[in-house]
Amino acid sequence: MLEAHGLAARRGDAQLFSGVSLSLGPGTALFVRGPNGSGKTTLLRILAGTTEAAQGRVLWRGERVGPFHPVLRACAVFIGHAPALKDELTIEENLASLTTLQGAHPEHAAILDALSAWSLLRQRTLPARVLSQGQRRRATLARLGLLSRPLWLLDEPASALDDAGHITLRDTLAAHLAAGGIAVIATHQDLPVASGTHQTLLLA
């Protein structure tokens, strides 16, 4: 269970949002929508424990968690809007590095399976700098298959994906929800998912 009560956030002197509360159980996806600058990314960062809220509190499984709380960090994976890839490393090396930084140590075969699921197996030895934007997005999302985390926080995950990438994302998300996972997704695009419970939060 992920809960938030009375969250507020500011950027400088401007208030992004206030009074945001939510309660998400297993198998639930929350789609966060709103115009640019409304605070969607900031909300995800608060829930991921990388940013402190101006007001309010976040609870994970009934325990209050704040920025960099070890319990939350061990249970959540946050994937931001910008692909976190190092240009000089190959896709395979990037994926291994990203998962290691998040405390996972997948075997080589598991990394290849994750790349295959996102149609990147042929490009695995290419440096990230030569990838298209869509391939960079796929490479970033591929780590979802290597991190066994119940809470996913995804910022515009469908950005730059083609139709096949959208299908892979929907299927990946559906499997996560069917297994009892929770997902909070900031998005401007419709992302129909066949399983789980869906909620929408609009930040005006």
Foldseek 3Di string as FASTA:
>chain_A
DKWKAFFWAADVPRTLDTGDIDDDWFLEEEEEEEDPSSCLVVVLCFSLQQDATPDIFMDDPRHTDHHPRVVSLLAEDEQAPDQPFDQAAFLLVRLQVVVVVSPFHDDSVQSLVLCVLLPCNVRRRPGPNPDDPQVSLSSSVSNLSRRPHQEYEYEASCPPHDPVNLVSVLVSSLVSSVVGGYYYYYHPDDRDHDTGHYHYHYRD
